Protein backbone atom coordinates (compact mmCIF):
# COMPACT_ATOMS: atom_id res chain seq x y z
CA LEU A 1 -15.98 -11.83 18.03
CA SER A 2 -12.52 -13.26 18.80
CA GLY A 3 -10.74 -15.07 15.85
CA CYS A 4 -13.57 -13.89 13.24
CA LEU A 5 -10.88 -12.47 10.76
CA ILE A 6 -12.36 -8.93 11.34
CA THR A 7 -10.59 -6.46 9.07
CA LYS A 8 -10.63 -2.71 8.94
CA GLU A 9 -13.88 -2.96 7.00
CA GLY A 10 -15.44 -4.93 9.44
CA CYS A 11 -14.25 -2.38 12.20
CA SER A 12 -15.89 0.28 10.06
CA SER A 13 -19.24 -1.54 10.17
CA LEU A 14 -18.88 -2.42 13.82
CA ALA A 15 -18.20 1.27 14.77
CA SER A 16 -21.17 2.27 12.56
CA ALA A 17 -23.57 -0.13 14.34
CA LEU A 18 -22.38 0.78 17.82
CA SER A 19 -22.78 4.73 17.11
CA SER A 20 -26.22 4.28 15.36
CA ASN A 21 -27.80 1.81 17.73
CA PRO A 22 -26.98 2.12 21.21
CA SER A 23 -26.95 -1.32 22.79
CA HIS A 24 -26.43 -3.02 26.16
CA LEU A 25 -23.22 -4.56 24.89
CA ARG A 26 -20.75 -4.29 27.82
CA GLU A 27 -17.88 -6.47 26.58
CA LEU A 28 -16.60 -6.93 23.28
CA ASP A 29 -13.64 -9.40 22.38
CA LEU A 30 -11.72 -8.48 19.17
CA SER A 31 -8.69 -10.75 19.96
CA TYR A 32 -7.03 -12.46 17.12
CA ASN A 33 -8.39 -10.32 14.43
CA HIS A 34 -6.91 -8.21 11.60
CA PRO A 35 -8.15 -4.69 12.00
CA GLY A 36 -5.09 -2.75 10.72
CA ASP A 37 -4.30 0.71 11.68
CA SER A 38 -7.42 2.16 10.32
CA GLY A 39 -9.65 -0.18 12.16
CA VAL A 40 -7.98 0.35 15.48
CA LYS A 41 -8.29 4.04 15.03
CA LEU A 42 -11.93 3.86 14.23
CA LEU A 43 -12.63 1.75 17.41
CA SER A 44 -10.28 4.09 19.41
CA ALA A 45 -12.25 7.20 18.35
CA GLY A 46 -15.65 5.49 18.87
CA LEU A 47 -14.91 4.68 22.46
CA GLU A 48 -15.27 8.36 23.21
CA ASP A 49 -18.81 8.27 22.22
CA LEU A 50 -21.11 8.01 25.29
CA GLN A 51 -23.62 5.82 23.23
CA TRP A 52 -21.04 3.14 23.23
CA ARG A 53 -21.77 1.47 26.75
CA LEU A 54 -18.58 -0.78 26.46
CA GLU A 55 -16.99 -1.53 29.85
CA THR A 56 -14.45 -4.10 28.49
CA LEU A 57 -12.80 -4.06 25.00
CA ARG A 58 -10.42 -7.00 24.55
CA TYR A 59 -7.79 -6.68 21.91
CA GLU A 60 -5.08 -9.32 22.19
CA GLU A 61 -2.52 -10.63 19.49
CA ALA A 62 -4.39 -8.83 16.72
CA ALA A 63 -2.36 -7.78 13.57
CA ALA A 64 -2.04 -4.12 13.90
CA THR A 65 0.70 -2.86 11.93
CA ASP A 66 1.39 0.51 13.87
CA HIS A 67 2.31 0.03 17.35
CA GLN A 68 0.90 3.44 18.21
CA SER A 69 -2.36 2.54 17.04
CA VAL A 70 -2.50 -0.25 19.69
CA GLU A 71 -1.30 2.04 22.29
CA ASP A 72 -4.16 4.39 21.19
CA LEU A 73 -6.62 1.66 21.70
CA GLU A 74 -5.31 0.61 25.05
CA THR A 75 -5.73 4.18 26.15
CA PHE A 76 -9.41 4.20 25.48
CA SER A 77 -10.04 0.81 26.94
CA LEU A 78 -12.81 0.97 29.58
CA SER A 79 -11.84 -2.24 31.37
CA HIS A 80 -10.39 -0.35 34.31
CA CYS A 81 -13.58 1.53 35.05
CA GLN A 82 -15.86 0.61 37.85
CA PRO A 83 -19.47 1.11 36.95
CA GLY A 84 -21.84 2.60 39.43
């Protein structure tokens, strides 16, 4: 979903879909989108949900307005985990 102009509303829909419909999605690229603070916080909170089976969440050069929100998302990134 890189460069798809996803906003906070899109992040809300994405978080809802990932929570209500467990998928086999392992990687999600949200680079070059505009989620804003609330979108980043939604995704950060959702990554604690075990139904989300993401191993990698890419988030580069997106237009978040609050640096702390970006740090929150990076804290919950699962790209460093080794499955198995």
